[in-house]
Every structure is written in C-alpha cells, then in structure tokens.
Amino acid sequence: MDAACNNDIDDIEDISRDERAELSFPNRGPRVGRKVRPIKPGLATDADAGGACAVLPSDQLGSAMVWVKTFGCSHNVSDGEVMAGLLQDYGYRLVDDINNDQAAAWVINTCTVKGPSESAMSSLIRKGKLTGKRLIIAGCVPQGDKKHRELQDLSLIGVTQIDRVVEVVEEALKGNTVQLLTKKALPALDLPKVRRNRYVEIVPLSTGCLGACTYCKTKHARGHLGSYDLQLLASRVASVAKDPEVREIWLSSEDTGAYGRDIGSSLPDLLKAMVAELPADGRVMLRVGMTNPPYILEHLEAIAEILQHPCVFTYLHVPVQSEFEQVVDTLTELVPGMQFATDIICGFPGESEDDHKDTLSLLAKHRFPHTHISQFYPRGPTGSTAGVTHTRAAGHHSNGSAGGGHKRRTRQAGAHTKGYTQVLLMPEPGLLGSVVEVLIDSSARWSVTGKVVSWVYRCPQGAWSGEWVLVGAKAWV
C-alpha cells in the first residue's frame, strides 16, 4: 500500500485540512510579470475596514507573508496550490492557518457550490478587514457574482486569472485594488505548485460543464466546458509520476465524463494515454474524478476496462441523477470490487414524501461506502429557490467500512485500498509515501485498521519526520 494522501477529500465537499507542504515543482513556470491592467486606487480604507491597512514599503514587496486559504472541490484546491506556488516562487513567504495573523495579505480562494462555504468566505473577509489585512478574493464566488456585497472594493481574481496572483497581491500590498475577472485561456499545467498534500497531485482536466442544473451556481463561475489538450494532460501525468513522493494523481473536473467533447476527444482516450505514462511497479495510482451520469453512459465498457488497470482506483464518484442506476449497475457488473461515492441533496424544492422514501430505498439497495449528504441550499439565480420540504439525512443506510465526508485528526497514518477504502496504520519511519501490503484486523464506520506485513516500495523521501499526520495510500489487502 502506498502512503500517499490525507483522509478522504471529497470532489465537491469543502476540504478543511490545510497541511501546507514545503514543495514546489522543479520545472517551474515563468515568473508572473508586473504589469497590471485595471488598477483602481485605494483598497478598503481604514474607516471601512475597521483596522489599519498599512501600505508596505517597496523593499518588502515580494517577500511579505501571505496566507492562501482554499474552500471547495479538488479543482479549487489545485487552483489554490498554483497560486501558493507562484507566490512562493516569486519570494513571498507562505503561512499556515495557525499563523495567518502574521500575514500581510490573505488570498481567499472561494467556493460557491453551497451556502456554508460562501458564508465561511464572508466571515474571513470581515475578520480580515477588522485586523487590517490586504484581502484578495479568488475562485468561484467573484467569478460568478462580482457584485456580491462582500466583494465591494476588494481585489478579485477570476478562475482563469490565477496565474496573475503575484501582481494582484503586490498591488494590494501597495494599497491598490485589482479586479481580473475576464475569462481567458486556461492556466498552463506546468505552473509551480505548493501541494496541500505532498503525496497527492491534482490534475484539472477541464473547466466548466455541459449541464444547466437548477441547483448549481458553479456553472455561473466556471462556464461552459473547456477541456485541456489530451497530450498536454498526458505529459503532465508523465512528469508528475516521476516525482518520488507522488502516490496518487487525482483527475479533477466539474464533470469528468464530459471531458473532450468540445475538442473532439473523450475520457477513455485520455485515460488510456495517462495510464501508459504511469510507473509499471504500481507506486502511483490514478483516481478518476466526479462524473455526472449522462456523459459517461456511452463510455461505460471502455471505462470499466480502464478501472481494472492495476494503477487505477476501482472507484468512481457519481451523483444521484437520471440514469444513475444504469451507470452503477453496469460498472458493478463489469468491474470486480467496484466502489462508488455519491451525493444526495435532501429537501430539494418539490421533493415529496415518496421521493424521499425512494432515496432511502436507493441507499439501502447499494449501501455506498461514501455518501455525501447535504440539505438543499438556494444558490441565487439557478432556478431552484422554492421552499424546502425535507432536511433530514439518510446516512444510516451507508456502508460504514470506509470514510466519507467525515474529517478526523488522529495519531495514525492513512492508506487507500484499490477500491479507495481508507486504511489506518500506526506511523513508523519510512512509511509515508511508501507502498506496503497490510493485514486488516478491524473495521469502523469511517475506516479499517491494519498492520504492515511487507514493503512493496519505499519512498526515497518518505522518512518519518516525527510529525503525526493522516496521509493516505493504496493497499493490497
């Protein structure tokens, strides 16, 4: 099993862990230029902010402390990693959550998929203003709603403008406001990064989607489907797979199954090209990201073949939508040991008692190891804003052998089986980033526990540093 990632991080749920690894890629992209397009003098004034927003002397620009905080999905996490990497590459000093009070500037990378994540952004903005921080708001909230009441007179970075974070931070520290929200070409894939988890590389496949879901506001931010070139993505995987610490590569997208439809390609073609670049010894595993049912239906047999590859997790995140059961039943039949994660929205406008009972029956039938349950949150101009009928959860029908959205901090190391079940192990020197075989000796609601019985691959840089962290890995049990 390879000790690679922290406890389960959902594709669309907020991620609370922020373990900042001091790592950036050796193949760094070019430094961001300093020319600034739209500059509006004056950030939030002292009177507006309630705190002292001092302008940094010019000799401190480029070396000030900056806090990068990300909410949301794995795609958003990847964007945050890129912004952190660009800032560190330029000379800025990154601080973690505990020391954010020491930072002169806060880069808040936002999520708009649900109300609580947007509320968390608002709370941080208010706190930052009270403590005199220079605030830069990035991600889906400003891109989807630049007129948001909390964003007035703040610097804003759109989802395709993350490669300009250095100049925006620099201008903010000078006391200026910069708002870069114009959509442009997708950011390069080889920009420097500071990974949130040094054993997990997140590779975005595309931005946007082909859907128009009435409950989703993300479409307003990420827009229509825009896919990266297949060869560029395969080259990125080949480069990342050579990193001695990377154990899991997560493919991220708003809808993975729709990849390539805008450029004459397809998800199976991409996955075949990526798998060909992975090490033959199996030390690097590929995780296919969330897919909505409609756009993967025609590819099920090809996807089933790829999911059986020894370097691909037999795991897929499929939300409950139309044609959901056709996807689940087909892949379950074709792929031995196939595991699914799914999403359930409770209290959707118009949901009846019978609808809710059907949801419970679905969960009882499939007993998904990972079920992400959320009440319905009205998301502005998306079409679904009517009253809520149900808010109760149905989690008692989930199989309890593997962790879903539960976040735990424990003095154990974490691993993943090929089916993406979380395995907890007692840390020992050299374990992190290594591949081991384990014997499972107990199970709990969110995970199983085991003992190392043999070593398959030892990570050259995986020596235990004395810090207790929850990482993850694949495991042959």
Foldseek 3Di string as FASTA:
>chain_A
DFFFFFADDAQWAWDDAQQWAPDKDPLADDAADQDADDKAFFFQDCVRLQEAQDQDPPVCQLAFEEEEAEITGPLLLQLSQLLVFNSVVSHYHYDYPVPRLRGQAYEYAFDQFFDVRVVVVLVVLNVCSNSNHQYEYEYQPCLLCVPPVSNPRHAYAAPQRSSNSSNQVRVSSNRIHGYDRDDDDHDQQRHMGGHSTQQEAEGEFWFADDDQDLQGSSCSRRPYTDGDDLVSSLVSLLVVLPPLQHQEYEYHYPALQCGPPVPPDGNLVSLVSNVVSHDPLLSHAYEYAAHEPPSCVVVLVSVLVSLQPSRYFLEYEYEDDPCRVVSVVSSPVSHPPRAYEYEDEAQFPPQDPVNVVVVLVVLLVPQHLAYHYAYRHRRPRSNGDDGGDGGDDNVVSHQQQAAYPDDDWDQWEWEQASNGGIETEHDDFQRHRFAFAWDWDAGGRHHTYTYGDGGSGGRPPRTDPPDRGYTYHYYDD
